[in-house]
Amino acid sequence: MPDDMEQLFSQALEPLVLELETLRGELEVLRAHRLDAPAWAPGVHRKGAIVQHFHGQYFEAIADTAAEPGDGVAWRRLGLHGFRYRGLYIDGAEYETGDLVARDGGMLLQTHSTLTWFALRGQRGKPASAPLELEGEA
């Protein structure tokens, strides 16, 4: 009877162990390339290549590509760190996590599904006291 319990327990844990090994492998890839990834430059990048682009964002090529990271389907963003300046705020435009836009003399940062004030300017050019969430806009 104890051998049966041990076998059942082992079978129940097997998928979890495999998932953990997969996650460890992905973590090792990120650690290996995180600081050593070259800056993106125009040219052909092979599947699996990891580059840094914009301001601290990392991308992995999921197919051979000459496209710029951040646009299209040839690149996969790694993590949520870093920024990408997108220019002036456009009402109704869709922004991704890490996108920075300028509006009313300040900067807005897209965090998950919310566009939040990142840096403000108050009256007469004085810095605002605290970041505020932009109401009703995402």
C-alpha atoms as a PDB file:
ATOM      1  CA  MET A   1       0.000   0.000   0.000  1.00  0.00           C
ATOM      2  CA  PRO A   2       2.757   2.577   0.798  1.00  0.00           C
ATOM      3  CA  ASP A   3       4.377   1.898  -2.595  1.00  0.00           C
ATOM      4  CA  ASP A   4       1.073   2.711  -4.327  1.00  0.00           C
ATOM      5  CA  MET A   5       0.810   6.007  -2.438  1.00  0.00           C
ATOM      6  CA  GLU A   6       4.377   6.890  -3.339  1.00  0.00           C
ATOM      7  CA  GLN A   7       3.726   6.129  -7.002  1.00  0.00           C
ATOM      8  CA  LEU A   8       0.510   8.204  -7.026  1.00  0.00           C
ATOM      9  CA  PHE A   9       2.292  11.076  -5.319  1.00  0.00           C
ATOM     10  CA  SER A  10       5.147  10.885  -7.814  1.00  0.00           C
ATOM     11  CA  GLN A  11       2.728  10.890 -10.764  1.00  0.00           C
ATOM     12  CA  ALA A  12       0.862  13.891  -9.349  1.00  0.00           C
ATOM     13  CA  LEU A  13       4.077  15.893  -8.928  1.00  0.00           C
ATOM     14  CA  GLU A  14       5.597  15.045 -12.315  1.00  0.00           C
ATOM     15  CA  PRO A  15       3.803  17.842 -14.302  1.00  0.00           C
ATOM     16  CA  LEU A  16       4.774  20.402 -11.667  1.00  0.00           C
ATOM     17  CA  VAL A  17       8.413  19.342 -11.764  1.00  0.00           C
ATOM     18  CA  LEU A  18       8.444  19.584 -15.578  1.00  0.00           C
ATOM     19  CA  GLU A  19       6.895  23.060 -15.453  1.00  0.00           C
ATOM     20  CA  LEU A  20       9.449  24.163 -12.861  1.00  0.00           C
ATOM     21  CA  GLU A  21      12.324  22.918 -15.049  1.00  0.00           C
ATOM     22  CA  THR A  22      10.896  24.835 -18.027  1.00  0.00           C
ATOM     23  CA  LEU A  23      10.658  28.029 -15.970  1.00  0.00           C
ATOM     24  CA  ARG A  24      14.213  27.564 -14.696  1.00  0.00           C
ATOM     25  CA  GLY A  25      15.425  27.229 -18.282  1.00  0.00           C
ATOM     26  CA  GLU A  26      13.647  30.440 -19.325  1.00  0.00           C
ATOM     27  CA  LEU A  27      15.078  32.250 -16.311  1.00  0.00           C
ATOM     28  CA  GLU A  28      18.600  31.128 -17.208  1.00  0.00           C
ATOM     29  CA  VAL A  29      18.145  32.428 -20.778  1.00  0.00           C
ATOM     30  CA  LEU A  30      17.043  35.817 -19.424  1.00  0.00           C
ATOM     31  CA  ARG A  31      19.912  35.951 -16.939  1.00  0.00           C
ATOM     32  CA  ALA A  32      22.445  35.017 -19.602  1.00  0.00           C
ATOM     33  CA  HIS A  33      21.333  37.725 -22.028  1.00  0.00           C
ATOM     34  CA  ARG A  34      19.970  40.437 -19.764  1.00  0.00           C
ATOM     35  CA  LEU A  35      23.097  42.552 -19.525  1.00  0.00           C
ATOM     36  CA  ASP A  36      24.980  41.220 -22.510  1.00  0.00           C
ATOM     37  CA  ALA A  37      22.310  41.778 -25.165  1.00  0.00           C
ATOM     38  CA  PRO A  38      23.514  44.107 -27.913  1.00  0.00           C
ATOM     39  CA  ALA A  39      21.564  47.191 -28.862  1.00  0.00           C
ATOM     40  CA  TRP A  40      19.253  46.621 -31.807  1.00  0.00           C
ATOM     41  CA  ALA A  41      20.677  47.737 -35.151  1.00  0.00           C
ATOM     42  CA  PRO A  42      19.119  47.523 -38.612  1.00  0.00           C
ATOM     43  CA  GLY A  43      19.844  44.243 -40.361  1.00  0.00           C
ATOM     44  CA  VAL A  44      18.743  40.633 -40.275  1.00  0.00           C
ATOM     45  CA  HIS A  45      18.303  39.077 -36.848  1.00  0.00           C
ATOM     46  CA  ARG A  46      17.992  35.296 -36.574  1.00  0.00           C
ATOM     47  CA  LYS A  47      15.333  33.470 -34.595  1.00  0.00           C
ATOM     48  CA  GLY A  48      16.339  33.416 -30.899  1.00  0.00           C
ATOM     49  CA  ALA A  49      18.452  36.604 -31.072  1.00  0.00           C
ATOM     50  CA  ILE A  50      17.985  38.866 -28.047  1.00  0.00           C
ATOM     51  CA  VAL A  51      18.481  42.620 -28.334  1.00  0.00           C
ATOM     52  CA  GLN A  52      17.978  45.727 -26.232  1.00  0.00           C
ATOM     53  CA  HIS A  53      15.932  48.525 -27.798  1.00  0.00           C
ATOM     54  CA  PHE A  54      14.408  51.847 -26.793  1.00  0.00           C
ATOM     55  CA  HIS A  55      15.264  52.554 -23.133  1.00  0.00           C
ATOM     56  CA  GLY A  56      15.999  49.239 -21.404  1.00  0.00           C
ATOM     57  CA  GLN A  57      13.469  47.013 -23.164  1.00  0.00           C
ATOM     58  CA  TYR A  58      14.588  43.564 -24.307  1.00  0.00           C
ATOM     59  CA  PHE A  59      13.215  41.619 -27.260  1.00  0.00           C
ATOM     60  CA  GLU A  60      13.707  38.087 -28.609  1.00  0.00           C
ATOM     61  CA  ALA A  61      13.311  37.337 -32.315  1.00  0.00           C
ATOM     62  CA  ILE A  62      10.689  34.624 -32.753  1.00  0.00           C
ATOM     63  CA  ALA A  63      11.518  34.311 -36.449  1.00  0.00           C
ATOM     64  CA  ASP A  64      14.289  35.517 -38.749  1.00  0.00           C
ATOM     65  CA  THR A  65      13.522  39.200 -39.221  1.00  0.00           C
ATOM     66  CA  ALA A  66      14.780  42.570 -40.401  1.00  0.00           C
ATOM     67  CA  ALA A  67      11.888  44.414 -38.684  1.00  0.00           C
ATOM     68  CA  GLU A  68      12.372  46.763 -35.758  1.00  0.00           C
ATOM     69  CA  PRO A  69      11.411  45.356 -32.330  1.00  0.00           C
ATOM     70  CA  GLY A  70       8.131  46.587 -30.921  1.00  0.00           C
ATOM     71  CA  ASP A  71       6.273  46.541 -34.220  1.00  0.00           C
ATOM     72  CA  GLY A  72       4.811  43.482 -35.861  1.00  0.00           C
ATOM     73  CA  VAL A  73       4.909  39.865 -34.796  1.00  0.00           C
ATOM     74  CA  ALA A  74       8.567  38.930 -35.380  1.00  0.00           C
ATOM     75  CA  TRP A  75       9.697  39.995 -31.890  1.00  0.00           C
ATOM     76  CA  ARG A  76       8.606  38.984 -28.384  1.00  0.00           C
ATOM     77  CA  ARG A  77       9.184  41.430 -25.537  1.00  0.00           C
ATOM     78  CA  LEU A  78      10.996  39.959 -22.537  1.00  0.00           C
ATOM     79  CA  GLY A  79       9.761  41.317 -19.208  1.00  0.00           C
ATOM     80  CA  LEU A  80       8.004  44.609 -18.534  1.00  0.00           C
ATOM     81  CA  HIS A  81      10.964  46.834 -17.688  1.00  0.00           C
ATOM     82  CA  GLY A  82      12.148  49.814 -19.699  1.00  0.00           C
ATOM     83  CA  PHE A  83      10.469  52.646 -21.582  1.00  0.00           C
ATOM     84  CA  ARG A  84       9.555  53.500 -25.148  1.00  0.00           C
ATOM     85  CA  TYR A  85       8.913  57.161 -25.990  1.00  0.00           C
ATOM     86  CA  ARG A  86       5.899  57.365 -28.321  1.00  0.00           C
ATOM     87  CA  GLY A  87       5.719  61.143 -28.817  1.00  0.00           C
ATOM     88  CA  LEU A  88       2.685  63.314 -28.130  1.00  0.00           C
ATOM     89  CA  TYR A  89      -0.415  61.803 -26.521  1.00  0.00           C
ATOM     90  CA  ILE A  90      -3.114  60.885 -29.052  1.00  0.00           C
ATOM     91  CA  ASP A  91      -6.646  60.528 -27.709  1.00  0.00           C
ATOM     92  CA  GLY A  92      -7.973  57.038 -28.461  1.00  0.00           C
ATOM     93  CA  ALA A  93      -4.577  55.560 -29.348  1.00  0.00           C
ATOM     94  CA  GLU A  94      -3.610  52.211 -27.827  1.00  0.00           C
ATOM     95  CA  TYR A  95      -0.438  52.155 -25.747  1.00  0.00           C
ATOM     96  CA  GLU A  96       1.523  49.191 -24.392  1.00  0.00           C
ATOM     97  CA  THR A  97       3.057  48.778 -20.934  1.00  0.00           C
ATOM     98  CA  GLY A  98       6.195  50.932 -20.785  1.00  0.00           C
ATOM     99  CA  ASP A  99       5.086  53.487 -23.392  1.00  0.00           C
ATOM    100  CA  LEU A 100       5.790  57.132 -22.492  1.00  0.00           C
ATOM    101  CA  VAL A 101       3.809  59.982 -24.065  1.00  0.00           C
ATOM    102  CA  ALA A 102       3.956  63.749 -23.647  1.00  0.00           C
ATOM    103  CA  ARG A 103       0.843  65.724 -22.715  1.00  0.00           C
ATOM    104  CA  ASP A 104       0.247  69.177 -21.230  1.00  0.00           C
ATOM    105  CA  GLY A 105       3.931  69.669 -20.441  1.00  0.00           C
ATOM    106  CA  GLY A 106       4.185  66.384 -18.540  1.00  0.00           C
ATOM    107  CA  MET A 107       4.803  62.712 -19.259  1.00  0.00           C
ATOM    108  CA  LEU A 108       2.352  59.823 -19.045  1.00  0.00           C
ATOM    109  CA  LEU A 109       3.417  56.195 -18.557  1.00  0.00           C
ATOM    110  CA  GLN A 110       1.330  53.196 -19.601  1.00  0.00           C
ATOM    111  CA  THR A 111       1.296  50.687 -16.734  1.00  0.00           C
ATOM    112  CA  HIS A 112      -0.680  47.514 -17.433  1.00  0.00           C
ATOM    113  CA  SER A 113      -4.070  48.970 -18.515  1.00  0.00           C
ATOM    114  CA  THR A 114      -3.733  52.471 -17.048  1.00  0.00           C
ATOM    115  CA  LEU A 115      -2.152  55.610 -18.454  1.00  0.00           C
ATOM    116  CA  THR A 116      -0.664  57.346 -15.390  1.00  0.00           C
ATOM    117  CA  TRP A 117       1.084  60.667 -14.893  1.00  0.00           C
ATOM    118  CA  PHE A 118       4.803  59.946 -14.653  1.00  0.00           C
ATOM    119  CA  ALA A 119       6.074  63.527 -14.476  1.00  0.00           C
ATOM    120  CA  LEU A 120       3.984  66.695 -14.172  1.00  0.00           C
ATOM    121  CA  ARG A 121       4.552  70.396 -14.451  1.00  0.00           C
ATOM    122  CA  GLY A 122       2.453  72.681 -12.293  1.00  0.00           C
ATOM    123  CA  GLN A 123       1.490  76.315 -12.752  1.00  0.00           C
ATOM    124  CA  ARG A 124       4.257  78.617 -13.992  1.00  0.00           C
ATOM    125  CA  GLY A 125       6.571  75.686 -14.664  1.00  0.00           C
ATOM    126  CA  LYS A 126       6.866  74.531 -11.052  1.00  0.00           C
ATOM    127  CA  PRO A 127       6.980  70.752 -10.576  1.00  0.00           C
ATOM    128  CA  ALA A 128       3.690  69.205  -9.491  1.00  0.00           C
ATOM    129  CA  SER A 129       3.550  67.697  -6.020  1.00  0.00           C
ATOM    130  CA  ALA A 130       2.719  64.089  -6.971  1.00  0.00           C
ATOM    131  CA  PRO A 131       1.908  61.916  -9.964  1.00  0.00           C
ATOM    132  CA  LEU A 132      -1.817  61.647 -10.664  1.00  0.00           C
ATOM    133  CA  GLU A 133      -3.757  58.999 -12.530  1.00  0.00           C
ATOM    134  CA  LEU A 134      -5.353  60.275 -15.728  1.00  0.00           C
ATOM    135  CA  GLU A 135      -9.066  59.765 -15.157  1.00  0.00           C
ATOM    136  CA  GLY A 136     -11.269  58.126 -17.744  1.00  0.00           C
ATOM    137  CA  GLU A 137      -8.457  57.317 -20.161  1.00  0.00           C
ATOM    138  CA  ALA A 138      -6.505  54.138 -20.718  1.00  0.00           C
END
